[in-house]
Amino acid sequence: MNFKRSLLVVLLVLLVDQISKIYIKTHFQLGEATEVFTWFKILFIENEGAAWGAKLSDVLPISDKIGKLILTVFRLFAIVGIGYWLYDIIKKNSTRTLVLAVSLIFAGALGNIIDSMFYGIIFNDSYNQVATLFSDQPYGSLFYGKVVDMLYFPLIDANWPNWVPFVGGNNFRFFEPVFNIADTAISTGVGILIVFNKKAFGDKKH
């Protein structure tokens, strides 16, 4: 895969990711949901932290604000590293499988860093209202944006039988995390590297 095809993959992922996020921000209030199918819903949430909403302040004695800044800066360094990796494997004419996987990972990481860096200065908040793009009352500042998530797949939403020890009668839901297109691209790229490891790192042009 050459630079043009890799760039096309990156641009397509970014386009779909950002259009979907901007649409959700400008049409949904925070926490609002729309059922597409019984097993698939559009649910608008915002993620201030890392994967699954984790925060550095949960594990380190620092404020949420400092933790958010550290996370965003770390993501920037990660983007640079992944971008160089992508450039290097294309230059070395590595396998199409490897270039595709890294292109997806790079595009997904870039999609989420756009939220983290810029959404705080181009949107107002979504609490009890629909946000406005390029608002004159932004909810944050540069580097302090929140990542928009909206894809929710509660494939199973039921209660444990009462006879099950410890959890009987409690709700059981699978799959519970809410994510976005960028997350999907990253997961797909990582999945390709795991499942097709030999093909990705094997002979060229496979």
N, C-alpha and C. Protein backbone atom coordinates (compact mmCIF):
# COMPACT_ATOMS: atom_id res chain seq x y z
N MET A 1 0.85 -1.20 0.00
CA MET A 1 0.00 0.00 0.00
C MET A 1 0.89 1.25 0.00
N ASN A 2 0.63 2.18 -0.91
CA ASN A 2 1.47 3.37 -1.02
C ASN A 2 0.92 4.52 -0.17
N PHE A 3 1.60 5.66 -0.21
CA PHE A 3 1.23 6.81 0.61
C PHE A 3 -0.19 7.30 0.28
N LYS A 4 -0.54 7.32 -1.00
CA LYS A 4 -1.85 7.84 -1.40
C LYS A 4 -2.98 6.99 -0.84
N ARG A 5 -2.84 5.68 -0.90
CA ARG A 5 -3.89 4.80 -0.39
C ARG A 5 -3.97 4.86 1.14
N SER A 6 -2.82 4.94 1.77
CA SER A 6 -2.81 5.09 3.23
C SER A 6 -3.47 6.40 3.63
N LEU A 7 -3.13 7.47 2.93
CA LEU A 7 -3.73 8.77 3.22
C LEU A 7 -5.24 8.74 3.01
N LEU A 8 -5.68 8.03 1.97
CA LEU A 8 -7.12 7.91 1.71
C LEU A 8 -7.83 7.23 2.87
N VAL A 9 -7.24 6.15 3.40
CA VAL A 9 -7.81 5.46 4.55
C VAL A 9 -7.91 6.41 5.74
N VAL A 10 -6.83 7.12 6.01
CA VAL A 10 -6.80 8.05 7.15
C VAL A 10 -7.86 9.13 6.99
N LEU A 11 -7.94 9.73 5.80
CA LEU A 11 -8.90 10.81 5.57
C LEU A 11 -10.34 10.32 5.65
N LEU A 12 -10.63 9.13 5.14
CA LEU A 12 -11.99 8.59 5.20
C LEU A 12 -12.42 8.35 6.64
N VAL A 13 -11.52 7.75 7.43
CA VAL A 13 -11.84 7.51 8.84
C VAL A 13 -12.07 8.83 9.57
N LEU A 14 -11.17 9.79 9.36
CA LEU A 14 -11.30 11.09 10.01
C LEU A 14 -12.60 11.79 9.62
N LEU A 15 -12.95 11.73 8.34
CA LEU A 15 -14.15 12.38 7.85
C LEU A 15 -15.39 11.81 8.50
N VAL A 16 -15.51 10.48 8.47
CA VAL A 16 -16.69 9.83 9.07
C VAL A 16 -16.72 10.07 10.58
N ASP A 17 -15.56 9.98 11.21
CA ASP A 17 -15.48 10.17 12.66
C ASP A 17 -15.91 11.58 13.06
N GLN A 18 -15.35 12.59 12.42
CA GLN A 18 -15.65 13.95 12.82
C GLN A 18 -17.06 14.39 12.42
N ILE A 19 -17.54 13.94 11.28
CA ILE A 19 -18.92 14.27 10.89
C ILE A 19 -19.90 13.68 11.90
N SER A 20 -19.66 12.42 12.29
CA SER A 20 -20.57 11.78 13.25
C SER A 20 -20.53 12.48 14.60
N LYS A 21 -19.35 12.89 15.05
CA LYS A 21 -19.23 13.56 16.34
C LYS A 21 -19.87 14.95 16.33
N ILE A 22 -19.61 15.69 15.26
CA ILE A 22 -20.20 17.04 15.16
C ILE A 22 -21.72 16.94 15.07
N TYR A 23 -22.21 15.96 14.33
CA TYR A 23 -23.67 15.78 14.24
C TYR A 23 -24.26 15.49 15.62
N ILE A 24 -23.63 14.57 16.36
CA ILE A 24 -24.14 14.23 17.69
C ILE A 24 -24.11 15.45 18.60
N LYS A 25 -23.00 16.17 18.61
CA LYS A 25 -22.88 17.34 19.48
C LYS A 25 -23.92 18.40 19.16
N THR A 26 -24.27 18.56 17.89
CA THR A 26 -25.19 19.63 17.49
C THR A 26 -26.64 19.17 17.35
N HIS A 27 -26.93 17.91 17.72
CA HIS A 27 -28.30 17.41 17.62
C HIS A 27 -28.78 16.68 18.87
N PHE A 28 -27.88 16.35 19.78
CA PHE A 28 -28.23 15.59 20.99
C PHE A 28 -27.79 16.35 22.24
N GLN A 29 -28.59 16.25 23.27
CA GLN A 29 -28.16 16.69 24.59
C GLN A 29 -27.36 15.56 25.23
N LEU A 30 -26.48 15.91 26.15
CA LEU A 30 -25.67 14.91 26.83
C LEU A 30 -26.58 13.89 27.53
N GLY A 31 -26.34 12.62 27.26
CA GLY A 31 -27.14 11.55 27.85
C GLY A 31 -28.36 11.15 27.03
N GLU A 32 -28.66 11.90 25.98
CA GLU A 32 -29.81 11.58 25.12
C GLU A 32 -29.50 10.36 24.26
N ALA A 33 -30.50 9.53 24.04
CA ALA A 33 -30.32 8.30 23.28
C ALA A 33 -31.43 8.11 22.26
N THR A 34 -31.10 7.45 21.17
CA THR A 34 -32.07 7.06 20.15
C THR A 34 -31.87 5.59 19.83
N GLU A 35 -32.94 4.82 19.88
CA GLU A 35 -32.84 3.40 19.59
C GLU A 35 -32.93 3.15 18.09
N VAL A 36 -31.89 2.54 17.53
CA VAL A 36 -31.89 2.17 16.11
C VAL A 36 -32.45 0.77 15.96
N PHE A 37 -31.91 -0.15 16.72
CA PHE A 37 -32.44 -1.50 16.88
C PHE A 37 -32.45 -1.81 18.37
N THR A 38 -33.07 -2.90 18.77
CA THR A 38 -33.08 -3.24 20.20
C THR A 38 -31.66 -3.48 20.72
N TRP A 39 -30.77 -3.88 19.82
CA TRP A 39 -29.39 -4.19 20.21
C TRP A 39 -28.40 -3.09 19.84
N PHE A 40 -28.89 -1.97 19.30
CA PHE A 40 -28.01 -0.87 18.90
C PHE A 40 -28.69 0.47 19.16
N LYS A 41 -28.01 1.33 19.91
CA LYS A 41 -28.54 2.65 20.21
C LYS A 41 -27.48 3.72 19.95
N ILE A 42 -27.95 4.90 19.62
CA ILE A 42 -27.09 6.08 19.59
C ILE A 42 -27.24 6.75 20.95
N LEU A 43 -26.18 6.77 21.72
CA LEU A 43 -26.20 7.33 23.08
C LEU A 43 -25.06 8.32 23.21
N PHE A 44 -25.38 9.57 23.43
CA PHE A 44 -24.37 10.62 23.49
C PHE A 44 -23.78 10.74 24.89
N ILE A 45 -22.49 10.42 25.00
CA ILE A 45 -21.76 10.68 26.22
C ILE A 45 -20.44 11.35 25.86
N GLU A 46 -19.78 11.94 26.84
CA GLU A 46 -18.48 12.55 26.63
C GLU A 46 -17.46 11.93 27.57
N ASN A 47 -16.29 11.68 27.05
CA ASN A 47 -15.23 11.00 27.78
C ASN A 47 -14.08 11.98 28.03
N GLU A 48 -13.84 12.29 29.31
CA GLU A 48 -12.77 13.21 29.65
C GLU A 48 -11.42 12.52 29.82
N GLY A 49 -11.43 11.18 29.90
CA GLY A 49 -10.21 10.47 30.21
C GLY A 49 -9.72 9.59 29.10
N ALA A 50 -9.14 8.48 29.49
CA ALA A 50 -8.60 7.53 28.53
C ALA A 50 -9.66 6.50 28.18
N ALA A 51 -9.23 5.30 27.79
CA ALA A 51 -10.17 4.25 27.42
C ALA A 51 -11.10 3.94 28.58
N TRP A 52 -12.37 3.72 28.24
CA TRP A 52 -13.42 3.39 29.20
C TRP A 52 -13.63 4.49 30.23
N GLY A 53 -13.21 5.71 29.91
CA GLY A 53 -13.45 6.84 30.80
C GLY A 53 -12.49 6.93 31.98
N ALA A 54 -11.43 6.13 31.99
CA ALA A 54 -10.48 6.16 33.09
C ALA A 54 -9.76 7.51 33.13
N LYS A 55 -9.38 7.96 34.33
CA LYS A 55 -8.67 9.22 34.50
C LYS A 55 -7.36 8.98 35.25
N LEU A 56 -6.35 9.77 34.90
CA LEU A 56 -5.08 9.67 35.63
C LEU A 56 -5.26 10.05 37.10
N SER A 57 -6.19 10.98 37.36
CA SER A 57 -6.42 11.42 38.73
C SER A 57 -7.02 10.31 39.60
N ASP A 58 -7.53 9.25 38.95
CA ASP A 58 -8.06 8.12 39.71
C ASP A 58 -6.94 7.28 40.33
N VAL A 59 -5.74 7.36 39.75
CA VAL A 59 -4.63 6.52 40.21
C VAL A 59 -3.44 7.33 40.70
N LEU A 60 -3.41 8.63 40.38
CA LEU A 60 -2.29 9.48 40.80
C LEU A 60 -2.82 10.65 41.62
N PRO A 61 -2.03 11.14 42.57
CA PRO A 61 -2.48 12.26 43.42
C PRO A 61 -2.37 13.61 42.70
N ILE A 62 -3.13 13.74 41.62
CA ILE A 62 -3.13 14.98 40.84
C ILE A 62 -4.58 15.38 40.58
N SER A 63 -4.78 16.64 40.19
CA SER A 63 -6.12 17.13 39.91
C SER A 63 -6.60 16.60 38.56
N ASP A 64 -7.92 16.63 38.37
CA ASP A 64 -8.49 16.22 37.09
C ASP A 64 -7.93 17.06 35.95
N LYS A 65 -7.72 18.35 36.19
CA LYS A 65 -7.24 19.25 35.14
C LYS A 65 -5.82 18.89 34.72
N ILE A 66 -4.95 18.64 35.70
CA ILE A 66 -3.57 18.27 35.38
C ILE A 66 -3.55 16.90 34.70
N GLY A 67 -4.37 15.98 35.17
CA GLY A 67 -4.44 14.65 34.57
C GLY A 67 -4.89 14.71 33.13
N LYS A 68 -5.87 15.58 32.85
CA LYS A 68 -6.36 15.74 31.48
C LYS A 68 -5.27 16.31 30.58
N LEU A 69 -4.52 17.29 31.06
CA LEU A 69 -3.44 17.89 30.27
C LEU A 69 -2.36 16.86 29.97
N ILE A 70 -1.97 16.09 30.98
CA ILE A 70 -0.94 15.06 30.78
C ILE A 70 -1.40 14.05 29.73
N LEU A 71 -2.68 13.65 29.83
CA LEU A 71 -3.21 12.66 28.89
C LEU A 71 -3.21 13.20 27.47
N THR A 72 -3.62 14.45 27.29
CA THR A 72 -3.65 15.03 25.95
C THR A 72 -2.25 15.16 25.37
N VAL A 73 -1.28 15.59 26.18
CA VAL A 73 0.10 15.71 25.71
C VAL A 73 0.65 14.33 25.35
N PHE A 74 0.33 13.33 26.17
CA PHE A 74 0.77 11.96 25.87
C PHE A 74 0.19 11.50 24.54
N ARG A 75 -1.07 11.82 24.30
CA ARG A 75 -1.69 11.43 23.03
C ARG A 75 -1.00 12.10 21.85
N LEU A 76 -0.56 13.34 22.04
CA LEU A 76 0.16 14.04 20.97
C LEU A 76 1.47 13.33 20.63
N PHE A 77 2.21 12.96 21.67
CA PHE A 77 3.46 12.22 21.44
C PHE A 77 3.18 10.88 20.78
N ALA A 78 2.09 10.22 21.20
CA ALA A 78 1.73 8.93 20.61
C ALA A 78 1.39 9.09 19.13
N ILE A 79 0.68 10.16 18.79
CA ILE A 79 0.34 10.44 17.39
C ILE A 79 1.61 10.60 16.55
N VAL A 80 2.57 11.34 17.08
CA VAL A 80 3.83 11.55 16.36
C VAL A 80 4.54 10.21 16.15
N GLY A 81 4.57 9.39 17.20
CA GLY A 81 5.22 8.09 17.09
C GLY A 81 4.55 7.17 16.10
N ILE A 82 3.21 7.11 16.14
CA ILE A 82 2.47 6.25 15.21
C ILE A 82 2.63 6.78 13.79
N GLY A 83 2.60 8.10 13.65
CA GLY A 83 2.77 8.70 12.33
C GLY A 83 4.12 8.37 11.72
N TYR A 84 5.17 8.42 12.55
CA TYR A 84 6.49 8.08 12.04
C TYR A 84 6.56 6.60 11.67
N TRP A 85 5.94 5.75 12.51
CA TRP A 85 5.90 4.31 12.21
C TRP A 85 5.23 4.07 10.86
N LEU A 86 4.10 4.74 10.63
CA LEU A 86 3.39 4.59 9.37
C LEU A 86 4.26 5.04 8.20
N TYR A 87 4.89 6.20 8.34
CA TYR A 87 5.78 6.71 7.29
C TYR A 87 6.90 5.71 7.00
N ASP A 88 7.47 5.16 8.05
CA ASP A 88 8.61 4.26 7.91
C ASP A 88 8.23 2.96 7.21
N ILE A 89 7.08 2.37 7.58
CA ILE A 89 6.72 1.09 6.97
C ILE A 89 6.30 1.26 5.51
N ILE A 90 5.72 2.42 5.18
CA ILE A 90 5.39 2.67 3.77
C ILE A 90 6.67 2.85 2.97
N LYS A 91 7.60 3.62 3.53
CA LYS A 91 8.88 3.87 2.86
C LYS A 91 9.64 2.57 2.62
N LYS A 92 9.51 1.63 3.57
CA LYS A 92 10.21 0.35 3.45
C LYS A 92 9.42 -0.68 2.64
N ASN A 93 8.29 -0.24 2.08
CA ASN A 93 7.45 -1.11 1.26
C ASN A 93 7.00 -2.36 2.04
N SER A 94 6.54 -2.14 3.26
CA SER A 94 6.05 -3.24 4.09
C SER A 94 4.75 -3.79 3.53
N THR A 95 4.23 -4.82 4.15
CA THR A 95 3.04 -5.50 3.64
C THR A 95 1.82 -4.58 3.68
N ARG A 96 0.89 -4.80 2.77
CA ARG A 96 -0.35 -4.02 2.74
C ARG A 96 -1.13 -4.18 4.03
N THR A 97 -1.09 -5.39 4.59
CA THR A 97 -1.81 -5.66 5.83
C THR A 97 -1.29 -4.78 6.96
N LEU A 98 0.03 -4.68 7.08
CA LEU A 98 0.62 -3.86 8.13
C LEU A 98 0.32 -2.38 7.92
N VAL A 99 0.45 -1.91 6.70
CA VAL A 99 0.20 -0.49 6.42
C VAL A 99 -1.27 -0.15 6.67
N LEU A 100 -2.19 -1.04 6.28
CA LEU A 100 -3.61 -0.80 6.53
C LEU A 100 -3.89 -0.73 8.02
N ALA A 101 -3.34 -1.67 8.78
CA ALA A 101 -3.58 -1.70 10.23
C ALA A 101 -3.06 -0.44 10.90
N VAL A 102 -1.85 -0.03 10.58
CA VAL A 102 -1.27 1.15 11.20
C VAL A 102 -1.99 2.42 10.74
N SER A 103 -2.43 2.44 9.49
CA SER A 103 -3.22 3.58 8.99
C SER A 103 -4.50 3.75 9.80
N LEU A 104 -5.18 2.64 10.11
CA LEU A 104 -6.40 2.70 10.90
C LEU A 104 -6.12 3.17 12.33
N ILE A 105 -5.05 2.65 12.92
CA ILE A 105 -4.69 3.06 14.28
C ILE A 105 -4.35 4.55 14.32
N PHE A 106 -3.58 5.00 13.34
CA PHE A 106 -3.20 6.41 13.28
C PHE A 106 -4.42 7.31 13.10
N ALA A 107 -5.32 6.92 12.19
CA ALA A 107 -6.52 7.71 11.93
C ALA A 107 -7.40 7.79 13.17
N GLY A 108 -7.56 6.66 13.87
CA GLY A 108 -8.39 6.66 15.07
C GLY A 108 -7.79 7.51 16.18
N ALA A 109 -6.50 7.38 16.38
CA ALA A 109 -5.84 8.18 17.40
C ALA A 109 -5.92 9.67 17.08
N LEU A 110 -5.76 10.01 15.81
CA LEU A 110 -5.84 11.41 15.39
C LEU A 110 -7.27 11.94 15.57
N GLY A 111 -8.26 11.10 15.26
CA GLY A 111 -9.65 11.52 15.44
C GLY A 111 -9.97 11.90 16.87
N ASN A 112 -9.49 11.11 17.82
CA ASN A 112 -9.77 11.40 19.23
C ASN A 112 -8.95 12.56 19.77
N ILE A 113 -7.74 12.76 19.24
CA ILE A 113 -6.93 13.88 19.72
C ILE A 113 -7.52 15.20 19.23
N ILE A 114 -8.21 15.19 18.10
CA ILE A 114 -8.89 16.41 17.64
C ILE A 114 -9.93 16.85 18.66
N ASP A 115 -10.70 15.87 19.19
CA ASP A 115 -11.68 16.19 20.23
C ASP A 115 -10.99 16.77 21.46
N SER A 116 -9.94 16.07 21.91
CA SER A 116 -9.26 16.47 23.14
C SER A 116 -8.64 17.86 23.04
N MET A 117 -8.13 18.19 21.88
CA MET A 117 -7.45 19.48 21.72
C MET A 117 -8.41 20.63 21.44
N PHE A 118 -9.40 20.41 20.56
CA PHE A 118 -10.14 21.54 20.01
C PHE A 118 -11.61 21.65 20.40
N TYR A 119 -12.24 20.54 20.82
CA TYR A 119 -13.68 20.62 21.08
C TYR A 119 -14.02 21.58 22.21
N GLY A 120 -13.10 21.71 23.17
CA GLY A 120 -13.35 22.61 24.29
C GLY A 120 -13.41 24.07 23.90
N ILE A 121 -12.85 24.42 22.74
CA ILE A 121 -12.84 25.83 22.33
C ILE A 121 -13.78 26.11 21.15
N ILE A 122 -14.43 25.07 20.61
CA ILE A 122 -15.34 25.32 19.49
C ILE A 122 -16.79 24.98 19.82
N PHE A 123 -17.03 24.30 20.95
CA PHE A 123 -18.39 23.96 21.37
C PHE A 123 -18.68 24.53 22.75
N ASN A 124 -19.94 24.90 22.98
CA ASN A 124 -20.38 25.11 24.35
C ASN A 124 -20.82 23.76 24.93
N ASP A 125 -21.18 23.74 26.22
CA ASP A 125 -21.47 22.45 26.83
C ASP A 125 -22.81 21.89 26.37
N SER A 126 -23.00 20.59 26.64
CA SER A 126 -24.19 19.87 26.17
C SER A 126 -25.14 19.51 27.30
N TYR A 127 -24.95 20.07 28.50
CA TYR A 127 -25.82 19.77 29.63
C TYR A 127 -27.17 20.47 29.46
N ASN A 128 -28.22 19.66 29.34
CA ASN A 128 -29.60 20.16 29.22
C ASN A 128 -29.80 21.07 28.01
N GLN A 129 -28.93 20.93 27.02
CA GLN A 129 -29.07 21.71 25.80
C GLN A 129 -28.28 21.03 24.68
N VAL A 130 -28.61 21.42 23.46
CA VAL A 130 -27.83 20.97 22.30
C VAL A 130 -26.72 21.97 22.07
N ALA A 131 -25.50 21.47 21.92
CA ALA A 131 -24.34 22.36 21.79
C ALA A 131 -24.35 23.09 20.45
N THR A 132 -23.66 24.21 20.43
CA THR A 132 -23.52 25.03 19.23
C THR A 132 -22.06 24.98 18.76
N LEU A 133 -21.88 24.74 17.47
CA LEU A 133 -20.54 24.75 16.89
C LEU A 133 -20.03 26.18 16.78
N PHE A 134 -18.77 26.39 17.12
CA PHE A 134 -18.14 27.71 17.14
C PHE A 134 -18.90 28.68 18.05
N SER A 135 -19.22 28.17 19.23
CA SER A 135 -19.94 28.98 20.21
C SER A 135 -19.05 30.08 20.76
N ASP A 136 -19.68 31.23 21.14
CA ASP A 136 -18.92 32.30 21.78
C ASP A 136 -18.79 32.07 23.28
N GLN A 137 -19.32 30.92 23.76
CA GLN A 137 -19.18 30.54 25.17
C GLN A 137 -18.71 29.09 25.25
N PRO A 138 -17.48 28.82 24.82
CA PRO A 138 -16.99 27.44 24.80
C PRO A 138 -16.91 26.86 26.21
N TYR A 139 -17.03 25.54 26.29
CA TYR A 139 -17.06 24.88 27.61
C TYR A 139 -15.68 24.66 28.20
N GLY A 140 -14.63 24.81 27.41
CA GLY A 140 -13.29 24.54 27.92
C GLY A 140 -12.25 25.42 27.25
N SER A 141 -11.06 24.87 27.13
CA SER A 141 -9.95 25.60 26.51
C SER A 141 -9.12 24.61 25.71
N LEU A 142 -8.12 25.12 25.02
CA LEU A 142 -7.25 24.28 24.22
C LEU A 142 -6.63 23.17 25.09
N PHE A 143 -6.65 21.95 24.58
CA PHE A 143 -6.12 20.76 25.27
C PHE A 143 -7.10 20.18 26.30
N TYR A 144 -8.25 20.81 26.50
CA TYR A 144 -9.17 20.34 27.54
C TYR A 144 -10.53 19.94 26.97
N GLY A 145 -10.56 19.52 25.73
CA GLY A 145 -11.80 19.06 25.14
C GLY A 145 -12.16 17.65 25.59
N LYS A 146 -13.41 17.29 25.40
CA LYS A 146 -13.91 15.96 25.77
C LYS A 146 -14.18 15.15 24.50
N VAL A 147 -13.84 13.88 24.55
CA VAL A 147 -14.05 13.00 23.40
C VAL A 147 -15.52 12.59 23.33
N VAL A 148 -16.11 12.72 22.16
CA VAL A 148 -17.52 12.38 21.95
C VAL A 148 -17.66 10.90 21.62
N ASP A 149 -18.51 10.21 22.36
CA ASP A 149 -18.83 8.79 22.11
C ASP A 149 -20.32 8.67 21.87
N MET A 150 -20.70 7.71 21.02
CA MET A 150 -22.13 7.59 20.72
C MET A 150 -22.60 6.19 20.31
N LEU A 151 -21.72 5.28 19.99
CA LEU A 151 -22.12 3.95 19.52
C LEU A 151 -22.28 3.00 20.70
N TYR A 152 -23.48 2.47 20.86
CA TYR A 152 -23.79 1.67 22.04
C TYR A 152 -24.52 0.40 21.59
N PHE A 153 -23.96 -0.74 21.95
CA PHE A 153 -24.49 -2.03 21.52
C PHE A 153 -24.85 -2.91 22.72
N PRO A 154 -26.00 -2.67 23.36
CA PRO A 154 -26.43 -3.53 24.47
C PRO A 154 -27.02 -4.84 23.93
N LEU A 155 -26.16 -5.71 23.42
CA LEU A 155 -26.61 -6.95 22.77
C LEU A 155 -27.44 -7.80 23.72
N ILE A 156 -27.07 -7.79 24.99
CA ILE A 156 -27.84 -8.51 26.00
C ILE A 156 -28.14 -7.53 27.13
N ASP A 157 -29.41 -7.38 27.47
CA ASP A 157 -29.81 -6.50 28.57
C ASP A 157 -30.89 -7.23 29.36
N ALA A 158 -30.46 -7.92 30.41
CA ALA A 158 -31.39 -8.78 31.17
C ALA A 158 -30.94 -8.83 32.63
N ASN A 159 -31.70 -9.54 33.44
CA ASN A 159 -31.36 -9.72 34.84
C ASN A 159 -30.87 -11.15 35.09
N TRP A 160 -29.89 -11.26 35.99
CA TRP A 160 -29.45 -12.59 36.39
C TRP A 160 -30.58 -13.32 37.10
N PRO A 161 -30.73 -14.63 36.89
CA PRO A 161 -31.74 -15.39 37.64
C PRO A 161 -31.49 -15.25 39.15
N ASN A 162 -32.55 -15.26 39.92
CA ASN A 162 -32.44 -15.05 41.36
C ASN A 162 -31.61 -16.11 42.05
N TRP A 163 -31.53 -17.30 41.44
CA TRP A 163 -30.80 -18.38 42.11
C TRP A 163 -29.28 -18.30 41.93
N VAL A 164 -28.79 -17.38 41.08
CA VAL A 164 -27.35 -17.24 40.87
C VAL A 164 -26.72 -16.56 42.08
N PRO A 165 -25.72 -17.19 42.73
CA PRO A 165 -25.10 -16.60 43.92
C PRO A 165 -24.50 -15.22 43.64
N PHE A 166 -24.61 -14.33 44.61
CA PHE A 166 -23.99 -13.00 44.63
C PHE A 166 -24.62 -12.01 43.65
N VAL A 167 -24.95 -12.42 42.43
CA VAL A 167 -25.44 -11.47 41.43
C VAL A 167 -26.91 -11.70 41.07
N GLY A 168 -27.56 -12.67 41.70
CA GLY A 168 -28.95 -12.98 41.38
C GLY A 168 -29.86 -11.77 41.49
N GLY A 169 -30.64 -11.54 40.45
CA GLY A 169 -31.56 -10.40 40.41
C GLY A 169 -30.94 -9.12 39.88
N ASN A 170 -29.60 -9.05 39.82
CA ASN A 170 -28.94 -7.85 39.31
C ASN A 170 -28.99 -7.79 37.78
N ASN A 171 -28.87 -6.58 37.28
CA ASN A 171 -28.89 -6.39 35.84
C ASN A 171 -27.58 -6.85 35.21
N PHE A 172 -27.69 -7.49 34.04
CA PHE A 172 -26.51 -7.89 33.27
C PHE A 172 -26.65 -7.32 31.87
N ARG A 173 -25.60 -6.59 31.46
CA ARG A 173 -25.66 -5.95 30.14
C ARG A 173 -24.37 -6.23 29.38
N PHE A 174 -24.52 -6.67 28.12
CA PHE A 174 -23.38 -6.93 27.25
C PHE A 174 -23.77 -6.48 25.84
N PHE A 175 -23.10 -5.61 25.23
CA PHE A 175 -21.80 -5.01 25.45
C PHE A 175 -22.04 -3.60 25.99
N GLU A 176 -21.45 -3.20 27.11
CA GLU A 176 -21.83 -1.96 27.77
C GLU A 176 -21.06 -0.72 27.35
N PRO A 177 -19.78 -0.80 26.97
CA PRO A 177 -19.05 0.42 26.63
C PRO A 177 -19.68 1.19 25.47
N VAL A 178 -19.57 2.52 25.53
CA VAL A 178 -20.01 3.42 24.46
C VAL A 178 -18.74 3.96 23.79
N PHE A 179 -18.70 3.93 22.46
CA PHE A 179 -17.48 4.29 21.76
C PHE A 179 -17.80 5.09 20.50
N ASN A 180 -16.80 5.36 19.68
CA ASN A 180 -16.99 6.16 18.47
C ASN A 180 -16.27 5.52 17.29
N ILE A 181 -16.33 6.18 16.13
CA ILE A 181 -15.71 5.64 14.92
C ILE A 181 -14.19 5.55 15.07
N ALA A 182 -13.59 6.55 15.72
CA ALA A 182 -12.14 6.53 15.92
C ALA A 182 -11.73 5.32 16.76
N ASP A 183 -12.48 5.05 17.83
CA ASP A 183 -12.20 3.87 18.65
C ASP A 183 -12.30 2.58 17.83
N THR A 184 -13.32 2.55 16.96
CA THR A 184 -13.52 1.38 16.10
C THR A 184 -12.33 1.17 15.18
N ALA A 185 -11.81 2.27 14.61
CA ALA A 185 -10.64 2.18 13.72
C ALA A 185 -9.42 1.65 14.47
N ILE A 186 -9.20 2.18 15.68
CA ILE A 186 -8.06 1.72 16.48
C ILE A 186 -8.20 0.24 16.80
N SER A 187 -9.38 -0.16 17.26
CA SER A 187 -9.61 -1.57 17.62
C SER A 187 -9.46 -2.48 16.41
N THR A 188 -9.95 -2.03 15.26
CA THR A 188 -9.82 -2.82 14.03
C THR A 188 -8.36 -2.98 13.64
N GLY A 189 -7.60 -1.89 13.71
CA GLY A 189 -6.18 -1.95 13.37
C GLY A 189 -5.41 -2.88 14.29
N VAL A 190 -5.68 -2.77 15.58
CA VAL A 190 -5.01 -3.65 16.55
C VAL A 190 -5.43 -5.10 16.31
N GLY A 191 -6.73 -5.30 16.03
CA GLY A 191 -7.22 -6.66 15.75
C GLY A 191 -6.54 -7.28 14.54
N ILE A 192 -6.35 -6.47 13.50
CA ILE A 192 -5.65 -6.97 12.30
C ILE A 192 -4.24 -7.40 12.65
N LEU A 193 -3.54 -6.60 13.45
CA LEU A 193 -2.17 -6.95 13.84
C LEU A 193 -2.11 -8.23 14.66
N ILE A 194 -3.13 -8.47 15.47
CA ILE A 194 -3.16 -9.67 16.31
C ILE A 194 -3.54 -10.90 15.50
N VAL A 195 -4.63 -10.80 14.75
CA VAL A 195 -5.17 -11.96 14.02
C VAL A 195 -4.30 -12.31 12.81
N PHE A 196 -3.82 -11.27 12.11
CA PHE A 196 -3.03 -11.49 10.89
C PHE A 196 -1.57 -11.11 11.11
N ASN A 197 -1.06 -11.46 12.27
CA ASN A 197 0.30 -11.07 12.65
C ASN A 197 1.34 -11.54 11.64
N LYS A 198 1.27 -12.80 11.27
CA LYS A 198 2.27 -13.34 10.35
C LYS A 198 2.16 -12.68 8.97
N LYS A 199 0.95 -12.42 8.55
CA LYS A 199 0.75 -11.79 7.25
C LYS A 199 1.23 -10.34 7.28
N ALA A 200 0.98 -9.65 8.41
CA ALA A 200 1.36 -8.25 8.52
C ALA A 200 2.87 -8.07 8.54
N PHE A 201 3.56 -8.95 9.27
CA PHE A 201 5.00 -8.79 9.45
C PHE A 201 5.81 -9.79 8.62
N GLY A 202 5.12 -10.45 7.69
CA GLY A 202 5.80 -11.45 6.86
C GLY A 202 6.38 -10.86 5.60
N ASP A 203 6.27 -11.63 4.50
CA ASP A 203 6.81 -11.18 3.22
C ASP A 203 6.10 -9.93 2.73
N LYS A 204 6.77 -9.13 1.95
CA LYS A 204 6.22 -7.89 1.45
C LYS A 204 5.09 -8.13 0.46
N LYS A 205 4.22 -7.08 0.36
CA LYS A 205 3.13 -7.02 -0.62
C LYS A 205 2.08 -8.10 -0.41
N HIS A 206 1.83 -8.47 0.88
CA HIS A 206 0.73 -9.36 1.20
C HIS A 206 -0.29 -8.59 2.01
